[in-house]
């Protein structure tokens, strides 16, 4: 299954500003939110949304989805599952694609 998500970075920046630390804590793991770079966080957000679409269900918490680097490539970990992801940025947009292998 494939999932994709597109984030408009200026709107995401407004969410970050309005939600503050609570938004960060509910949406990102500590390792993910080390960077306060809005563009970087928007890419991770897009990846999490793409993972939800690829899995066909939303986890209990967004922090249950962990975006990490494996062999210098991003992957998503959700419990025992690992999904391939790709994240890209251009101008005011971040996009991510997630691929879940059929089991």
PDB file of N, CA and C in Angstrom:
ATOM      1  N   UNK A   1       0.849  -1.169   0.000  1.00  0.00           N
ATOM      2  CA  UNK A   1       0.000   0.000   0.000  1.00  0.00           C
ATOM      3  C   UNK A   1       0.903   1.244   0.000  1.00  0.00           C
ATOM      4  N   UNK A   2       0.460   2.270  -0.692  1.00  0.00           N
ATOM      5  CA  UNK A   2       1.199   3.530  -0.812  1.00  0.00           C
ATOM      6  C   UNK A   2       0.388   4.649  -0.166  1.00  0.00           C
ATOM      7  N   UNK A   3       1.075   5.559   0.515  1.00  0.00           N
ATOM      8  CA  UNK A   3       0.447   6.756   1.069  1.00  0.00           C
ATOM      9  C   UNK A   3       1.259   7.971   0.666  1.00  0.00           C
ATOM     10  N   UNK A   4       0.602   9.104   0.471  1.00  0.00           N
ATOM     11  CA  UNK A   4       1.295  10.335   0.090  1.00  0.00           C
ATOM     12  C   UNK A   4       0.650  11.503   0.833  1.00  0.00           C
ATOM     13  N   UNK A   5       1.444  12.519   1.156  1.00  0.00           N
ATOM     14  CA  UNK A   5       0.909  13.720   1.781  1.00  0.00           C
ATOM     15  C   UNK A   5       1.725  14.927   1.344  1.00  0.00           C
ATOM     16  N   UNK A   6       1.023  16.049   1.182  1.00  0.00           N
ATOM     17  CA  UNK A   6       1.620  17.317   0.784  1.00  0.00           C
ATOM     18  C   UNK A   6       1.322  18.345   1.873  1.00  0.00           C
ATOM     19  N   UNK A   7       2.348  19.069   2.305  1.00  0.00           N
ATOM     20  CA  UNK A   7       2.192  20.081   3.355  1.00  0.00           C
ATOM     21  C   UNK A   7       2.588  21.445   2.799  1.00  0.00           C
ATOM     22  N   UNK A   8       1.706  22.422   2.999  1.00  0.00           N
ATOM     23  CA  UNK A   8       1.996  23.811   2.656  1.00  0.00           C
ATOM     24  C   UNK A   8       2.718  24.413   3.860  1.00  0.00           C
ATOM     25  N   UNK A   9       4.008  24.641   3.730  1.00  0.00           N
ATOM     26  CA  UNK A   9       4.861  25.012   4.856  1.00  0.00           C
ATOM     27  C   UNK A   9       4.410  26.290   5.566  1.00  0.00           C
ATOM     28  N   UNK A  10       3.995  27.372   4.872  1.00  0.00           N
ATOM     29  CA  UNK A  10       3.531  28.556   5.605  1.00  0.00           C
ATOM     30  C   UNK A  10       2.344  28.264   6.541  1.00  0.00           C
ATOM     31  N   UNK A  11       1.416  27.423   6.119  1.00  0.00           N
ATOM     32  CA  UNK A  11       0.276  27.067   6.978  1.00  0.00           C
ATOM     33  C   UNK A  11       0.744  26.202   8.149  1.00  0.00           C
ATOM     34  N   UNK A  12       1.676  25.290   7.871  1.00  0.00           N
ATOM     35  CA  UNK A  12       2.235  24.450   8.929  1.00  0.00           C
ATOM     36  C   UNK A  12       2.961  25.313   9.963  1.00  0.00           C
ATOM     37  N   UNK A  13       3.654  26.353   9.508  1.00  0.00           N
ATOM     38  CA  UNK A  13       4.362  27.265  10.425  1.00  0.00           C
ATOM     39  C   UNK A  13       3.364  27.944  11.367  1.00  0.00           C
ATOM     40  N   UNK A  14       2.183  28.278  10.857  1.00  0.00           N
ATOM     41  CA  UNK A  14       1.138  28.864  11.712  1.00  0.00           C
ATOM     42  C   UNK A  14       0.697  27.863  12.776  1.00  0.00           C
ATOM     43  N   UNK A  15       0.525  26.597  12.388  1.00  0.00           N
ATOM     44  CA  UNK A  15       0.156  25.558  13.350  1.00  0.00           C
ATOM     45  C   UNK A  15       1.211  25.431  14.439  1.00  0.00           C
ATOM     46  N   UNK A  16       2.479  25.444  14.031  1.00  0.00           N
ATOM     47  CA  UNK A  16       3.566  25.353  15.003  1.00  0.00           C
ATOM     48  C   UNK A  16       3.520  26.512  15.993  1.00  0.00           C
ATOM     49  N   UNK A  17       3.303  27.702  15.466  1.00  0.00           N
ATOM     50  CA  UNK A  17       3.284  28.895  16.316  1.00  0.00           C
ATOM     51  C   UNK A  17       2.098  28.857  17.281  1.00  0.00           C
ATOM     52  N   UNK A  18       0.921  28.523  16.768  1.00  0.00           N
ATOM     53  CA  UNK A  18      -0.285  28.480  17.607  1.00  0.00           C
ATOM     54  C   UNK A  18      -0.233  27.348  18.636  1.00  0.00           C
ATOM     55  N   UNK A  19       0.250  26.197  18.223  1.00  0.00           N
ATOM     56  CA  UNK A  19       0.271  25.030  19.099  1.00  0.00           C
ATOM     57  C   UNK A  19       1.431  24.995  20.069  1.00  0.00           C
ATOM     58  N   UNK A  20       2.518  25.666  19.719  1.00  0.00           N
ATOM     59  CA  UNK A  20       3.689  25.732  20.591  1.00  0.00           C
ATOM     60  C   UNK A  20       4.227  24.375  20.994  1.00  0.00           C
ATOM     61  N   UNK A  21       4.737  24.319  22.219  1.00  0.00           N
ATOM     62  CA  UNK A  21       5.376  23.101  22.719  1.00  0.00           C
ATOM     63  C   UNK A  21       4.397  21.938  22.832  1.00  0.00           C
ATOM     64  N   UNK A  22       3.139  22.226  23.121  1.00  0.00           N
ATOM     65  CA  UNK A  22       2.153  21.144  23.238  1.00  0.00           C
ATOM     66  C   UNK A  22       1.979  20.451  21.887  1.00  0.00           C
ATOM     67  N   UNK A  23       1.875  21.229  20.809  1.00  0.00           N
ATOM     68  CA  UNK A  23       1.764  20.663  19.464  1.00  0.00           C
ATOM     69  C   UNK A  23       2.991  19.805  19.156  1.00  0.00           C
ATOM     70  N   UNK A  24       4.177  20.316  19.471  1.00  0.00           N
ATOM     71  CA  UNK A  24       5.408  19.555  19.220  1.00  0.00           C
ATOM     72  C   UNK A  24       5.409  18.247  19.992  1.00  0.00           C
ATOM     73  N   UNK A  25       5.042  18.283  21.268  1.00  0.00           N
ATOM     74  CA  UNK A  25       5.059  17.081  22.110  1.00  0.00           C
ATOM     75  C   UNK A  25       4.037  16.046  21.662  1.00  0.00           C
ATOM     76  N   UNK A  26       2.876  16.493  21.168  1.00  0.00           N
ATOM     77  CA  UNK A  26       1.838  15.557  20.733  1.00  0.00           C
ATOM     78  C   UNK A  26       2.112  14.981  19.346  1.00  0.00           C
ATOM     79  N   UNK A  27       2.924  15.684  18.555  1.00  0.00           N
ATOM     80  CA  UNK A  27       3.116  15.305  17.162  1.00  0.00           C
ATOM     81  C   UNK A  27       4.459  14.657  16.848  1.00  0.00           C
ATOM     82  N   UNK A  28       5.495  15.020  17.606  1.00  0.00           N
ATOM     83  CA  UNK A  28       6.856  14.596  17.265  1.00  0.00           C
ATOM     84  C   UNK A  28       7.549  13.962  18.462  1.00  0.00           C
ATOM     85  N   UNK A  29       8.359  12.950  18.188  1.00  0.00           N
ATOM     86  CA  UNK A  29       9.217  12.360  19.207  1.00  0.00           C
ATOM     87  C   UNK A  29      10.383  13.311  19.467  1.00  0.00           C
ATOM     88  N   UNK A  30      11.035  13.142  20.593  1.00  0.00           N
ATOM     89  CA  UNK A  30      12.128  14.041  20.980  1.00  0.00           C
ATOM     90  C   UNK A  30      13.201  14.123  19.890  1.00  0.00           C
ATOM     91  N   UNK A  31      13.581  12.995  19.326  1.00  0.00           N
ATOM     92  CA  UNK A  31      14.617  12.993  18.285  1.00  0.00           C
ATOM     93  C   UNK A  31      14.154  13.741  17.043  1.00  0.00           C
ATOM     94  N   UNK A  32      12.867  13.650  16.719  1.00  0.00           N
ATOM     95  CA  UNK A  32      12.335  14.321  15.529  1.00  0.00           C
ATOM     96  C   UNK A  32      12.274  15.828  15.721  1.00  0.00           C
ATOM     97  N   UNK A  33      11.957  16.269  16.921  1.00  0.00           N
ATOM     98  CA  UNK A  33      11.770  17.701  17.163  1.00  0.00           C
ATOM     99  C   UNK A  33      13.036  18.394  17.645  1.00  0.00           C
ATOM    100  N   UNK A  34      14.174  17.688  17.620  1.00  0.00           N
ATOM    101  CA  UNK A  34      15.452  18.338  17.954  1.00  0.00           C
ATOM    102  C   UNK A  34      15.681  19.535  17.057  1.00  0.00           C
ATOM    103  N   UNK A  35      15.308  19.383  15.806  1.00  0.00           N
ATOM    104  CA  UNK A  35      15.433  20.477  14.857  1.00  0.00           C
ATOM    105  C   UNK A  35      14.209  21.364  14.992  1.00  0.00           C
ATOM    106  N   UNK A  36      14.420  22.635  15.167  1.00  0.00           N
ATOM    107  CA  UNK A  36      13.303  23.583  15.223  1.00  0.00           C
ATOM    108  C   UNK A  36      13.059  24.183  13.844  1.00  0.00           C
ATOM    109  N   UNK A  37      13.696  23.615  12.823  1.00  0.00           N
ATOM    110  CA  UNK A  37      13.548  24.081  11.446  1.00  0.00           C
ATOM    111  C   UNK A  37      12.160  23.704  10.934  1.00  0.00           C
ATOM    112  N   UNK A  38      11.367  24.717  10.609  1.00  0.00           N
ATOM    113  CA  UNK A  38       9.983  24.496  10.192  1.00  0.00           C
ATOM    114  C   UNK A  38       9.897  23.617   8.953  1.00  0.00           C
ATOM    115  N   UNK A  39      10.773  23.819   7.991  1.00  0.00           N
ATOM    116  CA  UNK A  39      10.756  23.026   6.760  1.00  0.00           C
ATOM    117  C   UNK A  39      11.008  21.549   7.073  1.00  0.00           C
ATOM    118  N   UNK A  40      11.971  21.294   7.940  1.00  0.00           N
ATOM    119  CA  UNK A  40      12.300  19.924   8.339  1.00  0.00           C
ATOM    120  C   UNK A  40      11.106  19.264   9.043  1.00  0.00           C
ATOM    121  N   UNK A  41      10.501  19.978   9.981  1.00  0.00           N
ATOM    122  CA  UNK A  41       9.360  19.440  10.713  1.00  0.00           C
ATOM    123  C   UNK A  41       8.157  19.208   9.788  1.00  0.00           C
ATOM    124  N   UNK A  42       7.971  20.082   8.813  1.00  0.00           N
ATOM    125  CA  UNK A  42       6.883  19.905   7.852  1.00  0.00           C
ATOM    126  C   UNK A  42       7.083  18.617   7.052  1.00  0.00           C
ATOM    127  N   UNK A  43       8.317  18.312   6.700  1.00  0.00           N
ATOM    128  CA  UNK A  43       8.615  17.060   5.993  1.00  0.00           C
ATOM    129  C   UNK A  43       8.311  15.841   6.841  1.00  0.00           C
ATOM    130  N   UNK A  44       8.643  15.906   8.121  1.00  0.00           N
ATOM    131  CA  UNK A  44       8.346  14.796   9.028  1.00  0.00           C
ATOM    132  C   UNK A  44       6.833  14.649   9.195  1.00  0.00           C
ATOM    133  N   UNK A  45       6.137  15.786   9.320  1.00  0.00           N
ATOM    134  CA  UNK A  45       4.670  15.756   9.427  1.00  0.00           C
ATOM    135  C   UNK A  45       4.065  15.083   8.187  1.00  0.00           C
ATOM    136  N   UNK A  46       4.535  15.478   7.004  1.00  0.00           N
ATOM    137  CA  UNK A  46       4.037  14.877   5.763  1.00  0.00           C
ATOM    138  C   UNK A  46       4.309  13.379   5.755  1.00  0.00           C
ATOM    139  N   UNK A  47       5.479  12.975   6.232  1.00  0.00           N
ATOM    140  CA  UNK A  47       5.825  11.554   6.276  1.00  0.00           C
ATOM    141  C   UNK A  47       4.883  10.790   7.206  1.00  0.00           C
ATOM    142  N   UNK A  48       4.586  11.359   8.364  1.00  0.00           N
ATOM    143  CA  UNK A  48       3.674  10.693   9.300  1.00  0.00           C
ATOM    144  C   UNK A  48       2.281  10.538   8.686  1.00  0.00           C
ATOM    145  N   UNK A  49       1.804  11.582   8.025  1.00  0.00           N
ATOM    146  CA  UNK A  49       0.493  11.507   7.374  1.00  0.00           C
ATOM    147  C   UNK A  49       0.502  10.479   6.239  1.00  0.00           C
ATOM    148  N   UNK A  50       1.593  10.409   5.495  1.00  0.00           N
ATOM    149  CA  UNK A  50       1.709   9.411   4.420  1.00  0.00           C
ATOM    150  C   UNK A  50       1.721   7.995   5.003  1.00  0.00           C
ATOM    151  N   UNK A  51       2.375   7.810   6.126  1.00  0.00           N
ATOM    152  CA  UNK A  51       2.414   6.506   6.789  1.00  0.00           C
ATOM    153  C   UNK A  51       1.013   6.087   7.216  1.00  0.00           C
ATOM    154  N   UNK A  52       0.252   7.008   7.786  1.00  0.00           N
ATOM    155  CA  UNK A  52      -1.125   6.708   8.202  1.00  0.00           C
ATOM    156  C   UNK A  52      -1.937   6.227   6.999  1.00  0.00           C
ATOM    157  N   UNK A  53      -1.782   6.906   5.878  1.00  0.00           N
ATOM    158  CA  UNK A  53      -2.520   6.523   4.666  1.00  0.00           C
ATOM    159  C   UNK A  53      -2.071   5.162   4.143  1.00  0.00           C
ATOM    160  N   UNK A  54      -0.766   4.892   4.186  1.00  0.00           N
ATOM    161  CA  UNK A  54      -0.254   3.604   3.702  1.00  0.00           C
ATOM    162  C   UNK A  54      -0.695   2.453   4.601  1.00  0.00           C
ATOM    163  N   UNK A  55      -0.780   2.709   5.896  1.00  0.00           N
ATOM    164  CA  UNK A  55      -1.166   1.651   6.834  1.00  0.00           C
ATOM    165  C   UNK A  55      -2.682   1.451   6.863  1.00  0.00           C
ATOM    166  N   UNK A  56      -3.415   2.481   6.445  1.00  0.00           N
ATOM    167  CA  UNK A  56      -4.862   2.362   6.433  1.00  0.00           C
ATOM    168  C   UNK A  56      -5.512   2.592   7.779  1.00  0.00           C
ATOM    169  N   UNK A  57      -4.736   3.040   8.757  1.00  0.00           N
ATOM    170  CA  UNK A  57      -5.302   3.337  10.077  1.00  0.00           C
ATOM    171  C   UNK A  57      -4.392   4.312  10.818  1.00  0.00           C
ATOM    172  N   UNK A  58      -5.005   5.056  11.710  1.00  0.00           N
ATOM    173  CA  UNK A  58      -4.281   6.041  12.514  1.00  0.00           C
ATOM    174  C   UNK A  58      -3.853   5.367  13.823  1.00  0.00           C
ATOM    175  N   UNK A  59      -2.596   5.563  14.221  1.00  0.00           N
ATOM    176  CA  UNK A  59      -2.177   5.010  15.512  1.00  0.00           C
ATOM    177  C   UNK A  59      -2.833   5.802  16.657  1.00  0.00           C
ATOM    178  N   UNK A  60      -2.697   5.301  17.857  1.00  0.00           N
ATOM    179  CA  UNK A  60      -3.266   5.999  19.016  1.00  0.00           C
ATOM    180  C   UNK A  60      -2.734   7.420  19.135  1.00  0.00           C
ATOM    181  N   UNK A  61      -1.423   7.578  18.905  1.00  0.00           N
ATOM    182  CA  UNK A  61      -0.779   8.887  18.991  1.00  0.00           C
ATOM    183  C   UNK A  61       0.159   9.051  17.801  1.00  0.00           C
ATOM    184  N   UNK A  62       0.315  10.299  17.335  1.00  0.00           N
ATOM    185  CA  UNK A  62       1.266  10.547  16.242  1.00  0.00           C
ATOM    186  C   UNK A  62       2.688  10.184  16.650  1.00  0.00           C
ATOM    187  N   UNK A  63       2.993  10.264  17.939  1.00  0.00           N
ATOM    188  CA  UNK A  63       4.338   9.915  18.405  1.00  0.00           C
ATOM    189  C   UNK A  63       4.592   8.409  18.333  1.00  0.00           C
ATOM    190  N   UNK A  64       3.537   7.616  18.045  1.00  0.00           N
ATOM    191  CA  UNK A  64       3.737   6.184  17.818  1.00  0.00           C
ATOM    192  C   UNK A  64       4.411   5.925  16.472  1.00  0.00           C
ATOM    193  N   UNK A  65       4.448   6.937  15.623  1.00  0.00           N
ATOM    194  CA  UNK A  65       5.160   6.864  14.344  1.00  0.00           C
ATOM    195  C   UNK A  65       6.495   7.573  14.536  1.00  0.00           C
ATOM    196  N   UNK A  66       7.572   6.871  14.336  1.00  0.00           N
ATOM    197  CA  UNK A  66       8.912   7.433  14.497  1.00  0.00           C
ATOM    198  C   UNK A  66       9.601   7.484  13.142  1.00  0.00           C
ATOM    199  N   UNK A  67      10.016   8.681  12.738  1.00  0.00           N
ATOM    200  CA  UNK A  67      10.749   8.868  11.484  1.00  0.00           C
ATOM    201  C   UNK A  67      12.233   8.936  11.829  1.00  0.00           C
ATOM    202  N   UNK A  68      13.004   7.998  11.286  1.00  0.00           N
ATOM    203  CA  UNK A  68      14.436   7.919  11.585  1.00  0.00           C
ATOM    204  C   UNK A  68      15.221   7.698  10.296  1.00  0.00           C
ATOM    205  N   UNK A  69      16.524   7.866  10.401  1.00  0.00           N
ATOM    206  CA  UNK A  69      17.411   7.574   9.271  1.00  0.00           C
ATOM    207  C   UNK A  69      17.962   6.154   9.452  1.00  0.00           C
ATOM    208  N   UNK A  70      17.916   5.394   8.369  1.00  0.00           N
ATOM    209  CA  UNK A  70      18.497   4.049   8.359  1.00  0.00           C
ATOM    210  C   UNK A  70      19.327   3.963   7.091  1.00  0.00           C
ATOM    211  N   UNK A  71      20.613   3.725   7.257  1.00  0.00           N
ATOM    212  CA  UNK A  71      21.532   3.711   6.113  1.00  0.00           C
ATOM    213  C   UNK A  71      21.393   5.000   5.301  1.00  0.00           C
ATOM    214  N   UNK A  72      21.287   6.110   6.014  1.00  0.00           N
ATOM    215  CA  UNK A  72      21.202   7.455   5.431  1.00  0.00           C
ATOM    216  C   UNK A  72      19.923   7.687   4.626  1.00  0.00           C
ATOM    217  N   UNK A  73      18.905   6.859   4.838  1.00  0.00           N
ATOM    218  CA  UNK A  73      17.614   7.035   4.167  1.00  0.00           C
ATOM    219  C   UNK A  73      16.532   7.068   5.237  1.00  0.00           C
ATOM    220  N   UNK A  74      15.492   7.872   5.033  1.00  0.00           N
ATOM    221  CA  UNK A  74      14.442   7.919   6.055  1.00  0.00           C
ATOM    222  C   UNK A  74      13.550   6.681   6.005  1.00  0.00           C
ATOM    223  N   UNK A  75      13.180   6.214   7.179  1.00  0.00           N
ATOM    224  CA  UNK A  75      12.207   5.138   7.319  1.00  0.00           C
ATOM    225  C   UNK A  75      11.254   5.527   8.444  1.00  0.00           C
ATOM    226  N   UNK A  76      10.102   4.900   8.445  1.00  0.00           N
ATOM    227  CA  UNK A  76       9.128   5.116   9.514  1.00  0.00           C
ATOM    228  C   UNK A  76       8.985   3.820  10.292  1.00  0.00           C
ATOM    229  N   UNK A  77       8.987   3.940  11.600  1.00  0.00           N
ATOM    230  CA  UNK A  77       8.770   2.780  12.464  1.00  0.00           C
ATOM    231  C   UNK A  77       7.469   2.982  13.228  1.00  0.00           C
ATOM    232  N   UNK A  78       6.605   1.986  13.112  1.00  0.00           N
ATOM    233  CA  UNK A  78       5.331   1.994  13.816  1.00  0.00           C
ATOM    234  C   UNK A  78       5.202   0.621  14.467  1.00  0.00           C
ATOM    235  N   UNK A  79       5.454   0.561  15.760  1.00  0.00           N
ATOM    236  CA  UNK A  79       5.455  -0.739  16.435  1.00  0.00           C
ATOM    237  C   UNK A  79       6.478  -1.650  15.794  1.00  0.00           C
ATOM    238  N   UNK A  80       6.022  -2.821  15.341  1.00  0.00           N
ATOM    239  CA  UNK A  80       6.918  -3.797  14.702  1.00  0.00           C
ATOM    240  C   UNK A  80       7.079  -3.572  13.203  1.00  0.00           C
ATOM    241  N   UNK A  81       6.373  -2.593  12.658  1.00  0.00           N
ATOM    242  CA  UNK A  81       6.407  -2.324  11.217  1.00  0.00           C
ATOM    243  C   UNK A  81       7.459  -1.268  10.881  1.00  0.00           C
ATOM    244  N   UNK A  82       8.081  -1.446   9.735  1.00  0.00           N
ATOM    245  CA  UNK A  82       8.996  -0.448   9.202  1.00  0.00           C
ATOM    246  C   UNK A  82       8.574  -0.171   7.764  1.00  0.00           C
ATOM    247  N   UNK A  83       8.366   1.099   7.460  1.00  0.00           N
ATOM    248  CA  UNK A  83       7.920   1.490   6.133  1.00  0.00           C
ATOM    249  C   UNK A  83       8.990   2.327   5.459  1.00  0.00           C
ATOM    250  N   UNK A  84       9.170   2.101   4.158  1.00  0.00           N
ATOM    251  CA  UNK A  84      10.055   2.956   3.368  1.00  0.00           C
ATOM    252  C   UNK A  84       9.346   4.284   3.158  1.00  0.00           C
ATOM    253  N   UNK A  85      10.090   5.382   3.282  1.00  0.00           N
ATOM    254  CA  UNK A  85       9.507   6.692   3.007  1.00  0.00           C
ATOM    255  C   UNK A  85      10.479   7.532   2.190  1.00  0.00           C
ATOM    256  N   UNK A  86       9.924   8.511   1.528  1.00  0.00           N
ATOM    257  CA  UNK A  86      10.714   9.493   0.805  1.00  0.00           C
ATOM    258  C   UNK A  86      10.115  10.857   1.134  1.00  0.00           C
ATOM    259  N   UNK A  87      10.985  11.816   1.439  1.00  0.00           N
ATOM    260  CA  UNK A  87      10.560  13.173   1.798  1.00  0.00           C
ATOM    261  C   UNK A  87      11.268  14.145   0.874  1.00  0.00           C
ATOM    262  N   UNK A  88      10.532  15.125   0.367  1.00  0.00           N
ATOM    263  CA  UNK A  88      11.126  16.126  -0.503  1.00  0.00           C
ATOM    264  C   UNK A  88      10.532  17.494  -0.189  1.00  0.00           C
ATOM    265  N   UNK A  89      11.321  18.527  -0.460  1.00  0.00           N
ATOM    266  CA  UNK A  89      10.895  19.911  -0.240  1.00  0.00           C
ATOM    267  C   UNK A  89      11.138  20.712  -1.515  1.00  0.00           C
ATOM    268  N   UNK A  90      10.211  21.631  -1.786  1.00  0.00           N
ATOM    269  CA  UNK A  90      10.409  22.571  -2.890  1.00  0.00           C
ATOM    270  C   UNK A  90       9.597  23.817  -2.593  1.00  0.00           C
ATOM    271  N   UNK A  91      10.278  24.934  -2.502  1.00  0.00           N
ATOM    272  CA  UNK A  91       9.589  26.194  -2.234  1.00  0.00           C
ATOM    273  C   UNK A  91       8.789  26.124  -0.954  1.00  0.00           C
ATOM    274  N   UNK A  92       7.488  26.364  -1.052  1.00  0.00           N
ATOM    275  CA  UNK A  92       6.607  26.391   0.112  1.00  0.00           C
ATOM    276  C   UNK A  92       5.982  25.041   0.437  1.00  0.00           C
ATOM    277  N   UNK A  93       6.491  23.961  -0.155  1.00  0.00           N
ATOM    278  CA  UNK A  93       5.852  22.660   0.021  1.00  0.00           C
ATOM    279  C   UNK A  93       6.835  21.583   0.472  1.00  0.00           C
ATOM    280  N   UNK A  94       6.294  20.671   1.273  1.00  0.00           N
ATOM    281  CA  UNK A  94       6.994  19.438   1.633  1.00  0.00           C
ATOM    282  C   UNK A  94       6.069  18.296   1.233  1.00  0.00           C
ATOM    283  N   UNK A  95       6.628  17.252   0.680  1.00  0.00           N
ATOM    284  CA  UNK A  95       5.839  16.099   0.264  1.00  0.00           C
ATOM    285  C   UNK A  95       6.524  14.836   0.766  1.00  0.00           C
ATOM    286  N   UNK A  96       5.722  13.846   1.097  1.00  0.00           N
ATOM    287  CA  UNK A  96       6.282  12.558   1.524  1.00  0.00           C
ATOM    288  C   UNK A  96       5.433  11.425   0.976  1.00  0.00           C
ATOM    289  N   UNK A  97       6.112  10.323   0.701  1.00  0.00           N
ATOM    290  CA  UNK A  97       5.482   9.100   0.228  1.00  0.00           C
ATOM    291  C   UNK A  97       5.927   7.977   1.155  1.00  0.00           C
ATOM    292  N   UNK A  98       4.986   7.103   1.507  1.00  0.00           N
ATOM    293  CA  UNK A  98       5.305   5.953   2.346  1.00  0.00           C
ATOM    294  C   UNK A  98       4.839   4.679   1.641  1.00  0.00           C
ATOM    295  N   UNK A  99       5.622   3.628   1.793  1.00  0.00           N
ATOM    296  CA  UNK A  99       5.290   2.346   1.159  1.00  0.00           C
ATOM    297  C   UNK A  99       5.289   1.258   2.236  1.00  0.00           C
ATOM    298  N   UNK A 100       4.146   0.590   2.350  1.00  0.00           N
ATOM    299  CA  UNK A 100       4.011  -0.522   3.287  1.00  0.00           C
ATOM    300  C   UNK A 100       3.978  -1.809   2.475  1.00  0.00           C
ATOM    301  N   UNK A 101       4.866  -2.694   2.791  1.00  0.00           N
ATOM    302  CA  UNK A 101       4.894  -3.995   2.113  1.00  0.00           C
ATOM    303  C   UNK A 101       3.712  -4.828   2.564  1.00  0.00           C
ATOM    304  N   UNK A 102       3.055  -5.501   1.634  1.00  0.00           N
ATOM    305  CA  UNK A 102       1.974  -6.408   1.980  1.00  0.00           C
ATOM    306  C   UNK A 102       2.544  -7.577   2.752  1.00  0.00           C
ATOM    307  N   UNK A 103       1.778  -8.017   3.730  1.00  0.00           N
ATOM    308  CA  UNK A 103       2.273  -9.130   4.548  1.00  0.00           C
ATOM    309  C   UNK A 103       1.354 -10.309   4.481  1.00  0.00           C
TER     310      UNK A 103
END
